[in-house]
Amino acid sequence: MTENSGNETNLKIETLQIKKAALFLRAINHKLRQQILKMIEAKGKMTVTELYITLRLEQSVASQHLAILRKAGFVKTTRDGKFIYYSVNKNRLNELNKFIAELLN
């Protein structure tokens, strides 16, 4: 969207980028997903089975939350045989912290 009134500078709002940023922030702004990240960080890596048993969740609920975190880049996956392990993407969390600091300053 571009607004232009006389001598004023153009205001350009990247609505698609704003929607992507909102999804990114929404992914981390959830208590259960924050808890999942903390658990994975504490153990280094975890499977979905370990997570749903520890948190006493349905497997589908744990998988859905992990998918949201994975899509936002907050967790990474590695396969070891038939197991998929989730680990925290610390670089992505650092990017988030920098983004929030810039946004709030």
PDB file of N, CA and C in Angstrom:
ATOM      1  N   MET A   1       0.849  -1.160   0.000  1.00  0.00           N
ATOM      2  CA  MET A   1       0.000   0.000   0.000  1.00  0.00           C
ATOM      3  C   MET A   1       0.899   1.228   0.000  1.00  0.00           C
ATOM      4  N   THR A   2       0.657   2.137  -0.898  1.00  0.00           N
ATOM      5  CA  THR A   2       1.457   3.349  -0.978  1.00  0.00           C
ATOM      6  C   THR A   2       0.542   4.554  -0.886  1.00  0.00           C
ATOM      7  N   GLU A   3       0.889   5.453   0.010  1.00  0.00           N
ATOM      8  CA  GLU A   3       0.128   6.691   0.172  1.00  0.00           C
ATOM      9  C   GLU A   3       1.007   7.834  -0.320  1.00  0.00           C
ATOM     10  N   ASN A   4       0.432   8.768  -1.084  1.00  0.00           N
ATOM     11  CA  ASN A   4       1.202   9.913  -1.554  1.00  0.00           C
ATOM     12  C   ASN A   4       0.304  11.141  -1.541  1.00  0.00           C
ATOM     13  N   SER A   5       0.617  12.093  -0.672  1.00  0.00           N
ATOM     14  CA  SER A   5      -0.160  13.323  -0.559  1.00  0.00           C
ATOM     15  C   SER A   5       0.773  14.508  -0.750  1.00  0.00           C
ATOM     16  N   GLY A   6       0.775  15.080  -1.929  1.00  0.00           N
ATOM     17  CA  GLY A   6       1.583  16.266  -2.181  1.00  0.00           C
ATOM     18  C   GLY A   6       3.059  16.010  -2.011  1.00  0.00           C
ATOM     19  N   ASN A   7       3.711  16.756  -1.119  1.00  0.00           N
ATOM     20  CA  ASN A   7       5.152  16.668  -0.926  1.00  0.00           C
ATOM     21  C   ASN A   7       5.562  15.626   0.114  1.00  0.00           C
ATOM     22  N   GLU A   8       4.596  14.947   0.733  1.00  0.00           N
ATOM     23  CA  GLU A   8       4.934  13.953   1.751  1.00  0.00           C
ATOM     24  C   GLU A   8       5.666  12.778   1.116  1.00  0.00           C
ATOM     25  N   THR A   9       6.519  12.149   1.904  1.00  0.00           N
ATOM     26  CA  THR A   9       7.224  10.977   1.403  1.00  0.00           C
ATOM     27  C   THR A   9       6.256   9.808   1.293  1.00  0.00           C
ATOM     28  N   ASN A  10       6.601   8.868   0.435  1.00  0.00           N
ATOM     29  CA  ASN A  10       5.752   7.695   0.244  1.00  0.00           C
ATOM     30  C   ASN A  10       5.818   6.791   1.468  1.00  0.00           C
ATOM     31  N   LEU A  11       4.669   6.349   1.889  1.00  0.00           N
ATOM     32  CA  LEU A  11       4.571   5.393   2.993  1.00  0.00           C
ATOM     33  C   LEU A  11       4.251   4.045   2.374  1.00  0.00           C
ATOM     34  N   LYS A  12       5.160   3.124   2.536  1.00  0.00           N
ATOM     35  CA  LYS A  12       4.956   1.804   1.952  1.00  0.00           C
ATOM     36  C   LYS A  12       4.820   0.791   3.082  1.00  0.00           C
ATOM     37  N   ILE A  13       3.721   0.100   3.103  1.00  0.00           N
ATOM     38  CA  ILE A  13       3.478  -0.924   4.120  1.00  0.00           C
ATOM     39  C   ILE A  13       3.470  -2.280   3.425  1.00  0.00           C
ATOM     40  N   GLU A  14       4.402  -3.112   3.828  1.00  0.00           N
ATOM     41  CA  GLU A  14       4.525  -4.448   3.249  1.00  0.00           C
ATOM     42  C   GLU A  14       3.605  -5.404   4.010  1.00  0.00           C
ATOM     43  N   THR A  15       2.358  -5.481   3.567  1.00  0.00           N
ATOM     44  CA  THR A  15       1.375  -6.264   4.316  1.00  0.00           C
ATOM     45  C   THR A  15       1.723  -7.745   4.368  1.00  0.00           C
ATOM     46  N   LEU A  16       2.284  -8.292   3.301  1.00  0.00           N
ATOM     47  CA  LEU A  16       2.654  -9.709   3.324  1.00  0.00           C
ATOM     48  C   LEU A  16       3.761  -9.955   4.343  1.00  0.00           C
ATOM     49  N   GLN A  17       4.738  -9.056   4.402  1.00  0.00           N
ATOM     50  CA  GLN A  17       5.827  -9.187   5.364  1.00  0.00           C
ATOM     51  C   GLN A  17       5.301  -9.046   6.797  1.00  0.00           C
ATOM     52  N   ILE A  18       4.342  -8.156   6.995  1.00  0.00           N
ATOM     53  CA  ILE A  18       3.757  -7.979   8.328  1.00  0.00           C
ATOM     54  C   ILE A  18       3.033  -9.251   8.744  1.00  0.00           C
ATOM     55  N   LYS A  19       2.295  -9.865   7.828  1.00  0.00           N
ATOM     56  CA  LYS A  19       1.596 -11.123   8.143  1.00  0.00           C
ATOM     57  C   LYS A  19       2.584 -12.224   8.498  1.00  0.00           C
ATOM     58  N   LYS A  20       3.696 -12.312   7.763  1.00  0.00           N
ATOM     59  CA  LYS A  20       4.721 -13.316   8.061  1.00  0.00           C
ATOM     60  C   LYS A  20       5.333 -13.072   9.442  1.00  0.00           C
ATOM     61  N   ALA A  21       5.611 -11.798   9.744  1.00  0.00           N
ATOM     62  CA  ALA A  21       6.180 -11.459  11.051  1.00  0.00           C
ATOM     63  C   ALA A  21       5.204 -11.786  12.169  1.00  0.00           C
ATOM     64  N   ALA A  22       3.914 -11.548  11.938  1.00  0.00           N
ATOM     65  CA  ALA A  22       2.899 -11.853  12.953  1.00  0.00           C
ATOM     66  C   ALA A  22       2.843 -13.358  13.215  1.00  0.00           C
ATOM     67  N   LEU A  23       2.924 -14.173  12.162  1.00  0.00           N
ATOM     68  CA  LEU A  23       2.935 -15.630  12.343  1.00  0.00           C
ATOM     69  C   LEU A  23       4.174 -16.081  13.106  1.00  0.00           C
ATOM     70  N   PHE A  24       5.294 -15.465  12.804  1.00  0.00           N
ATOM     71  CA  PHE A  24       6.564 -15.745  13.473  1.00  0.00           C
ATOM     72  C   PHE A  24       6.451 -15.464  14.971  1.00  0.00           C
ATOM     73  N   LEU A  25       5.903 -14.284  15.311  1.00  0.00           N
ATOM     74  CA  LEU A  25       5.747 -13.921  16.719  1.00  0.00           C
ATOM     75  C   LEU A  25       4.676 -14.760  17.403  1.00  0.00           C
ATOM     76  N   ARG A  26       3.607 -15.062  16.700  1.00  0.00           N
ATOM     77  CA  ARG A  26       2.538 -15.880  17.259  1.00  0.00           C
ATOM     78  C   ARG A  26       3.038 -17.286  17.591  1.00  0.00           C
ATOM     79  N   ALA A  27       3.977 -17.780  16.809  1.00  0.00           N
ATOM     80  CA  ALA A  27       4.516 -19.121  17.051  1.00  0.00           C
ATOM     81  C   ALA A  27       5.192 -19.212  18.412  1.00  0.00           C
ATOM     82  N   ILE A  28       5.849 -18.150  18.812  1.00  0.00           N
ATOM     83  CA  ILE A  28       6.585 -18.170  20.081  1.00  0.00           C
ATOM     84  C   ILE A  28       5.750 -17.642  21.238  1.00  0.00           C
ATOM     85  N   ASN A  29       4.671 -16.936  20.941  1.00  0.00           N
ATOM     86  CA  ASN A  29       3.845 -16.327  21.977  1.00  0.00           C
ATOM     87  C   ASN A  29       2.744 -17.282  22.431  1.00  0.00           C
ATOM     88  N   HIS A  30       3.159 -18.445  22.916  1.00  0.00           N
ATOM     89  CA  HIS A  30       2.222 -19.469  23.382  1.00  0.00           C
ATOM     90  C   HIS A  30       2.919 -20.227  24.507  1.00  0.00           C
ATOM     91  N   LYS A  31       2.267 -20.317  25.646  1.00  0.00           N
ATOM     92  CA  LYS A  31       2.910 -20.903  26.833  1.00  0.00           C
ATOM     93  C   LYS A  31       3.367 -22.340  26.608  1.00  0.00           C
ATOM     94  N   LEU A  32       2.538 -23.154  25.953  1.00  0.00           N
ATOM     95  CA  LEU A  32       2.925 -24.550  25.730  1.00  0.00           C
ATOM     96  C   LEU A  32       4.131 -24.639  24.797  1.00  0.00           C
ATOM     97  N   ARG A  33       4.148 -23.836  23.748  1.00  0.00           N
ATOM     98  CA  ARG A  33       5.291 -23.868  22.826  1.00  0.00           C
ATOM     99  C   ARG A  33       6.561 -23.365  23.526  1.00  0.00           C
ATOM    100  N   GLN A  34       6.428 -22.381  24.396  1.00  0.00           N
ATOM    101  CA  GLN A  34       7.582 -21.911  25.174  1.00  0.00           C
ATOM    102  C   GLN A  34       8.077 -23.025  26.096  1.00  0.00           C
ATOM    103  N   GLN A  35       7.138 -23.750  26.692  1.00  0.00           N
ATOM    104  CA  GLN A  35       7.500 -24.866  27.568  1.00  0.00           C
ATOM    105  C   GLN A  35       8.197 -25.973  26.775  1.00  0.00           C
ATOM    106  N   ILE A  36       7.688 -26.252  25.578  1.00  0.00           N
ATOM    107  CA  ILE A  36       8.309 -27.266  24.723  1.00  0.00           C
ATOM    108  C   ILE A  36       9.743 -26.855  24.392  1.00  0.00           C
ATOM    109  N   LEU A  37       9.950 -25.603  24.024  1.00  0.00           N
ATOM    110  CA  LEU A  37      11.304 -25.127  23.708  1.00  0.00           C
ATOM    111  C   LEU A  37      12.236 -25.273  24.904  1.00  0.00           C
ATOM    112  N   LYS A  38      11.751 -24.917  26.092  1.00  0.00           N
ATOM    113  CA  LYS A  38      12.578 -25.023  27.301  1.00  0.00           C
ATOM    114  C   LYS A  38      12.948 -26.479  27.585  1.00  0.00           C
ATOM    115  N   MET A  39      11.998 -27.388  27.398  1.00  0.00           N
ATOM    116  CA  MET A  39      12.274 -28.810  27.628  1.00  0.00           C
ATOM    117  C   MET A  39      13.302 -29.342  26.641  1.00  0.00           C
ATOM    118  N   ILE A  40      13.129 -29.000  25.376  1.00  0.00           N
ATOM    119  CA  ILE A  40      14.074 -29.462  24.365  1.00  0.00           C
ATOM    120  C   ILE A  40      15.460 -28.894  24.653  1.00  0.00           C
ATOM    121  N   GLU A  41      15.512 -27.623  25.001  1.00  0.00           N
ATOM    122  CA  GLU A  41      16.799 -26.988  25.308  1.00  0.00           C
ATOM    123  C   GLU A  41      17.476 -27.680  26.489  1.00  0.00           C
ATOM    124  N   ALA A  42      16.706 -28.005  27.515  1.00  0.00           N
ATOM    125  CA  ALA A  42      17.273 -28.651  28.703  1.00  0.00           C
ATOM    126  C   ALA A  42      17.866 -30.019  28.384  1.00  0.00           C
ATOM    127  N   LYS A  43      17.218 -30.761  27.478  1.00  0.00           N
ATOM    128  CA  LYS A  43      17.693 -32.109  27.134  1.00  0.00           C
ATOM    129  C   LYS A  43      18.633 -32.122  25.933  1.00  0.00           C
ATOM    130  N   GLY A  44      18.650 -31.042  25.177  1.00  0.00           N
ATOM    131  CA  GLY A  44      19.487 -31.003  23.983  1.00  0.00           C
ATOM    132  C   GLY A  44      18.728 -31.395  22.726  1.00  0.00           C
ATOM    133  N   LYS A  45      18.010 -32.520  22.806  1.00  0.00           N
ATOM    134  CA  LYS A  45      17.155 -32.961  21.715  1.00  0.00           C
ATOM    135  C   LYS A  45      16.114 -33.923  22.273  1.00  0.00           C
ATOM    136  N   MET A  46      14.953 -33.954  21.640  1.00  0.00           N
ATOM    137  CA  MET A  46      13.865 -34.826  22.095  1.00  0.00           C
ATOM    138  C   MET A  46      13.041 -35.288  20.900  1.00  0.00           C
ATOM    139  N   THR A  47      12.402 -36.438  21.063  1.00  0.00           N
ATOM    140  CA  THR A  47      11.450 -36.911  20.065  1.00  0.00           C
ATOM    141  C   THR A  47      10.062 -36.422  20.453  1.00  0.00           C
ATOM    142  N   VAL A  48       9.144 -36.489  19.501  1.00  0.00           N
ATOM    143  CA  VAL A  48       7.764 -36.102  19.804  1.00  0.00           C
ATOM    144  C   VAL A  48       7.189 -37.011  20.890  1.00  0.00           C
ATOM    145  N   THR A  49       7.580 -38.271  20.884  1.00  0.00           N
ATOM    146  CA  THR A  49       7.091 -39.214  21.900  1.00  0.00           C
ATOM    147  C   THR A  49       7.543 -38.791  23.293  1.00  0.00           C
ATOM    148  N   GLU A  50       8.801 -38.449  23.440  1.00  0.00           N
ATOM    149  CA  GLU A  50       9.304 -37.996  24.738  1.00  0.00           C
ATOM    150  C   GLU A  50       8.555 -36.750  25.202  1.00  0.00           C
ATOM    151  N   LEU A  51       8.294 -35.859  24.273  1.00  0.00           N
ATOM    152  CA  LEU A  51       7.584 -34.628  24.621  1.00  0.00           C
ATOM    153  C   LEU A  51       6.163 -34.882  25.078  1.00  0.00           C
ATOM    154  N   TYR A  52       5.404 -35.644  24.295  1.00  0.00           N
ATOM    155  CA  TYR A  52       3.992 -35.807  24.670  1.00  0.00           C
ATOM    156  C   TYR A  52       3.829 -36.644  25.926  1.00  0.00           C
ATOM    157  N   ILE A  53       4.728 -37.576  26.176  1.00  0.00           N
ATOM    158  CA  ILE A  53       4.648 -38.353  27.420  1.00  0.00           C
ATOM    159  C   ILE A  53       4.988 -37.464  28.622  1.00  0.00           C
ATOM    160  N   THR A  54       6.068 -36.698  28.515  1.00  0.00           N
ATOM    161  CA  THR A  54       6.504 -35.824  29.604  1.00  0.00           C
ATOM    162  C   THR A  54       5.461 -34.757  29.922  1.00  0.00           C
ATOM    163  N   LEU A  55       4.878 -34.170  28.862  1.00  0.00           N
ATOM    164  CA  LEU A  55       3.912 -33.094  29.049  1.00  0.00           C
ATOM    165  C   LEU A  55       2.475 -33.588  29.235  1.00  0.00           C
ATOM    166  N   ARG A  56       2.291 -34.897  29.127  1.00  0.00           N
ATOM    167  CA  ARG A  56       0.965 -35.507  29.258  1.00  0.00           C
ATOM    168  C   ARG A  56      -0.028 -34.912  28.261  1.00  0.00           C
ATOM    169  N   LEU A  57       0.386 -34.898  27.009  1.00  0.00           N
ATOM    170  CA  LEU A  57      -0.437 -34.379  25.926  1.00  0.00           C
ATOM    171  C   LEU A  57      -0.829 -35.513  24.987  1.00  0.00           C
ATOM    172  N   GLU A  58      -1.798 -35.240  24.149  1.00  0.00           N
ATOM    173  CA  GLU A  58      -2.080 -36.149  23.046  1.00  0.00           C
ATOM    174  C   GLU A  58      -0.926 -36.007  22.054  1.00  0.00           C
ATOM    175  N   GLN A  59      -0.599 -37.086  21.377  1.00  0.00           N
ATOM    176  CA  GLN A  59       0.488 -37.057  20.402  1.00  0.00           C
ATOM    177  C   GLN A  59       0.213 -36.027  19.321  1.00  0.00           C
ATOM    178  N   SER A  60      -1.026 -35.934  18.872  1.00  0.00           N
ATOM    179  CA  SER A  60      -1.370 -34.995  17.798  1.00  0.00           C
ATOM    180  C   SER A  60      -1.168 -33.542  18.234  1.00  0.00           C
ATOM    181  N   VAL A  61      -1.460 -33.242  19.500  1.00  0.00           N
ATOM    182  CA  VAL A  61      -1.286 -31.884  20.017  1.00  0.00           C
ATOM    183  C   VAL A  61       0.201 -31.520  20.034  1.00  0.00           C
ATOM    184  N   ALA A  62       1.018 -32.426  20.538  1.00  0.00           N
ATOM    185  CA  ALA A  62       2.464 -32.177  20.564  1.00  0.00           C
ATOM    186  C   ALA A  62       2.996 -32.003  19.144  1.00  0.00           C
ATOM    187  N   SER A  63       2.548 -32.830  18.227  1.00  0.00           N
ATOM    188  CA  SER A  63       3.002 -32.733  16.833  1.00  0.00           C
ATOM    189  C   SER A  63       2.594 -31.424  16.188  1.00  0.00           C
ATOM    190  N   GLN A  64       1.377 -30.968  16.471  1.00  0.00           N
ATOM    191  CA  GLN A  64       0.913 -29.701  15.904  1.00  0.00           C
ATOM    192  C   GLN A  64       1.759 -28.530  16.393  1.00  0.00           C
ATOM    193  N   HIS A  65       2.057 -28.514  17.679  1.00  0.00           N
ATOM    194  CA  HIS A  65       2.860 -27.423  18.233  1.00  0.00           C
ATOM    195  C   HIS A  65       4.296 -27.480  17.712  1.00  0.00           C
ATOM    196  N   LEU A  66       4.843 -28.671  17.577  1.00  0.00           N
ATOM    197  CA  LEU A  66       6.186 -28.805  17.015  1.00  0.00           C
ATOM    198  C   LEU A  66       6.211 -28.350  15.556  1.00  0.00           C
ATOM    199  N   ALA A  67       5.147 -28.639  14.820  1.00  0.00           N
ATOM    200  CA  ALA A  67       5.077 -28.206  13.421  1.00  0.00           C
ATOM    201  C   ALA A  67       5.077 -26.680  13.322  1.00  0.00           C
ATOM    202  N   ILE A  68       4.368 -26.032  14.213  1.00  0.00           N
ATOM    203  CA  ILE A  68       4.341 -24.559  14.229  1.00  0.00           C
ATOM    204  C   ILE A  68       5.731 -24.012  14.548  1.00  0.00           C
ATOM    205  N   LEU A  69       6.380 -24.599  15.538  1.00  0.00           N
ATOM    206  CA  LEU A  69       7.734 -24.161  15.905  1.00  0.00           C
ATOM    207  C   LEU A  69       8.729 -24.426  14.778  1.00  0.00           C
ATOM    208  N   ARG A  70       8.565 -25.559  14.110  1.00  0.00           N
ATOM    209  CA  ARG A  70       9.457 -25.908  12.998  1.00  0.00           C
ATOM    210  C   ARG A  70       9.257 -24.955  11.820  1.00  0.00           C
ATOM    211  N   LYS A  71       7.996 -24.666  11.504  1.00  0.00           N
ATOM    212  CA  LYS A  71       7.696 -23.764  10.389  1.00  0.00           C
ATOM    213  C   LYS A  71       8.265 -22.362  10.635  1.00  0.00           C
ATOM    214  N   ALA A  72       8.242 -21.919  11.883  1.00  0.00           N
ATOM    215  CA  ALA A  72       8.792 -20.608  12.243  1.00  0.00           C
ATOM    216  C   ALA A  72      10.314 -20.651  12.386  1.00  0.00           C
ATOM    217  N   GLY A  73      10.888 -21.839  12.349  1.00  0.00           N
ATOM    218  CA  GLY A  73      12.341 -21.980  12.419  1.00  0.00           C
ATOM    219  C   GLY A  73      12.912 -22.058  13.814  1.00  0.00           C
ATOM    220  N   PHE A  74      12.065 -22.228  14.820  1.00  0.00           N
ATOM    221  CA  PHE A  74      12.554 -22.258  16.202  1.00  0.00           C
ATOM    222  C   PHE A  74      13.097 -23.620  16.615  1.00  0.00           C
ATOM    223  N   VAL A  75      12.712 -24.669  15.905  1.00  0.00           N
ATOM    224  CA  VAL A  75      13.284 -25.992  16.153  1.00  0.00           C
ATOM    225  C   VAL A  75      13.785 -26.573  14.834  1.00  0.00           C
ATOM    226  N   LYS A  76      14.798 -27.426  14.965  1.00  0.00           N
ATOM    227  CA  LYS A  76      15.370 -28.144  13.825  1.00  0.00           C
ATOM    228  C   LYS A  76      15.126 -29.620  14.050  1.00  0.00           C
ATOM    229  N   THR A  77      15.122 -30.383  12.979  1.00  0.00           N
ATOM    230  CA  THR A  77      14.935 -31.822  13.097  1.00  0.00           C
ATOM    231  C   THR A  77      16.138 -32.559  12.523  1.00  0.00           C
ATOM    232  N   THR A  78      16.432 -33.699  13.154  1.00  0.00           N
ATOM    233  CA  THR A  78      17.437 -34.628  12.627  1.00  0.00           C
ATOM    234  C   THR A  78      16.866 -36.026  12.760  1.00  0.00           C
ATOM    235  N   ARG A  79      17.154 -36.858  11.774  1.00  0.00           N
ATOM    236  CA  ARG A  79      16.659 -38.231  11.792  1.00  0.00           C
ATOM    237  C   ARG A  79      17.789 -39.165  12.209  1.00  0.00           C
ATOM    238  N   ASP A  80      17.438 -40.098  13.089  1.00  0.00           N
ATOM    239  CA  ASP A  80      18.359 -41.149  13.502  1.00  0.00           C
ATOM    240  C   ASP A  80      17.581 -42.453  13.419  1.00  0.00           C
ATOM    241  N   GLY A  81      17.732 -43.142  12.314  1.00  0.00           N
ATOM    242  CA  GLY A  81      16.946 -44.354  12.089  1.00  0.00           C
ATOM    243  C   GLY A  81      15.482 -43.999  11.934  1.00  0.00           C
ATOM    244  N   LYS A  82      14.642 -44.603  12.772  1.00  0.00           N
ATOM    245  CA  LYS A  82      13.208 -44.306  12.685  1.00  0.00           C
ATOM    246  C   LYS A  82      12.791 -43.126  13.566  1.00  0.00           C
ATOM    247  N   PHE A  83      13.741 -42.553  14.304  1.00  0.00           N
ATOM    248  CA  PHE A  83      13.425 -41.456  15.217  1.00  0.00           C
ATOM    249  C   PHE A  83      13.750 -40.098  14.604  1.00  0.00           C
ATOM    250  N   ILE A  84      12.869 -39.133  14.853  1.00  0.00           N
ATOM    251  CA  ILE A  84      13.122 -37.747  14.469  1.00  0.00           C
ATOM    252  C   ILE A  84      13.310 -36.963  15.757  1.00  0.00           C
ATOM    253  N   TYR A  85      14.475 -36.344  15.872  1.00  0.00           N
ATOM    254  CA  TYR A  85      14.798 -35.573  17.066  1.00  0.00           C
ATOM    255  C   TYR A  85      14.637 -34.083  16.774  1.00  0.00           C
ATOM    256  N   TYR A  86      14.068 -33.391  17.739  1.00  0.00           N
ATOM    257  CA  TYR A  86      13.889 -31.945  17.665  1.00  0.00           C
ATOM    258  C   TYR A  86      14.926 -31.287  18.556  1.00  0.00           C
ATOM    259  N   SER A  87      15.548 -30.234  18.038  1.00  0.00           N
ATOM    260  CA  SER A  87      16.488 -29.444  18.827  1.00  0.00           C
ATOM    261  C   SER A  87      16.169 -27.972  18.603  1.00  0.00           C
ATOM    262  N   VAL A  88      16.586 -27.160  19.554  1.00  0.00           N
ATOM    263  CA  VAL A  88      16.308 -25.723  19.494  1.00  0.00           C
ATOM    264  C   VAL A  88      17.265 -25.071  18.502  1.00  0.00           C
ATOM    265  N   ASN A  89      16.723 -24.231  17.640  1.00  0.00           N
ATOM    266  CA  ASN A  89      17.531 -23.453  16.703  1.00  0.00           C
ATOM    267  C   ASN A  89      17.909 -22.145  17.403  1.00  0.00           C
ATOM    268  N   LYS A  90      19.043 -22.168  18.059  1.00  0.00           N
ATOM    269  CA  LYS A  90      19.472 -21.018  18.863  1.00  0.00           C
ATOM    270  C   LYS A  90      19.709 -19.776  18.005  1.00  0.00           C
ATOM    271  N   ASN A  91      20.173 -19.957  16.774  1.00  0.00           N
ATOM    272  CA  ASN A  91      20.379 -18.805  15.889  1.00  0.00           C
ATOM    273  C   ASN A  91      19.056 -18.086  15.632  1.00  0.00           C
ATOM    274  N   ARG A  92      17.994 -18.860  15.433  1.00  0.00           N
ATOM    275  CA  ARG A  92      16.682 -18.257  15.168  1.00  0.00           C
ATOM    276  C   ARG A  92      16.177 -17.508  16.403  1.00  0.00           C
ATOM    277  N   LEU A  93      16.388 -18.066  17.586  1.00  0.00           N
ATOM    278  CA  LEU A  93      15.978 -17.386  18.814  1.00  0.00           C
ATOM    279  C   LEU A  93      16.784 -16.105  19.024  1.00  0.00           C
ATOM    280  N   ASN A  94      18.065 -16.128  18.665  1.00  0.00           N
ATOM    281  CA  ASN A  94      18.880 -14.913  18.745  1.00  0.00           C
ATOM    282  C   ASN A  94      18.355 -13.850  17.784  1.00  0.00           C
ATOM    283  N   GLU A  95      17.951 -14.288  16.575  1.00  0.00           N
ATOM    284  CA  GLU A  95      17.355 -13.359  15.608  1.00  0.00           C
ATOM    285  C   GLU A  95      16.081 -12.740  16.184  1.00  0.00           C
ATOM    286  N   LEU A  96      15.285 -13.574  16.841  1.00  0.00           N
ATOM    287  CA  LEU A  96      14.047 -13.096  17.457  1.00  0.00           C
ATOM    288  C   LEU A  96      14.345 -12.038  18.514  1.00  0.00           C
ATOM    289  N   ASN A  97      15.305 -12.315  19.370  1.00  0.00           N
ATOM    290  CA  ASN A  97      15.656 -11.367  20.430  1.00  0.00           C
ATOM    291  C   ASN A  97      16.148 -10.043  19.858  1.00  0.00           C
ATOM    292  N   LYS A  98      16.946 -10.098  18.795  1.00  0.00           N
ATOM    293  CA  LYS A  98      17.422  -8.869  18.149  1.00  0.00           C
ATOM    294  C   LYS A  98      16.249  -8.106  17.531  1.00  0.00           C
ATOM    295  N   PHE A  99      15.351  -8.825  16.873  1.00  0.00           N
ATOM    296  CA  PHE A  99      14.183  -8.216  16.241  1.00  0.00           C
ATOM    297  C   PHE A  99      13.325  -7.501  17.276  1.00  0.00           C
ATOM    298  N   ILE A 100      13.085  -8.168  18.400  1.00  0.00           N
ATOM    299  CA  ILE A 100      12.251  -7.578  19.456  1.00  0.00           C
ATOM    300  C   ILE A 100      12.940  -6.350  20.048  1.00  0.00           C
ATOM    301  N   ALA A 101      14.237  -6.438  20.266  1.00  0.00           N
ATOM    302  CA  ALA A 101      14.978  -5.294  20.814  1.00  0.00           C
ATOM    303  C   ALA A 101      14.872  -4.092  19.871  1.00  0.00           C
ATOM    304  N   GLU A 102      15.034  -4.327  18.576  1.00  0.00           N
ATOM    305  CA  GLU A 102      14.923  -3.236  17.598  1.00  0.00           C
ATOM    306  C   GLU A 102      13.509  -2.692  17.537  1.00  0.00           C
ATOM    307  N   LEU A 103      12.536  -3.571  17.606  1.00  0.00           N
ATOM    308  CA  LEU A 103      11.141  -3.161  17.533  1.00  0.00           C
ATOM    309  C   LEU A 103      10.746  -2.299  18.722  1.00  0.00           C
ATOM    310  N   LEU A 104      11.261  -2.623  19.888  1.00  0.00           N
ATOM    311  CA  LEU A 104      10.880  -1.914  21.109  1.00  0.00           C
ATOM    312  C   LEU A 104      11.711  -0.672  21.372  1.00  0.00           C
ATOM    313  N   ASN A 105      12.764  -0.473  20.631  1.00  0.00           N
ATOM    314  CA  ASN A 105      13.600   0.730  20.819  1.00  0.00           C
ATOM    315  C   ASN A 105      13.134   1.868  19.959  1.00  0.00           C
TER     316      ASN A 105
END
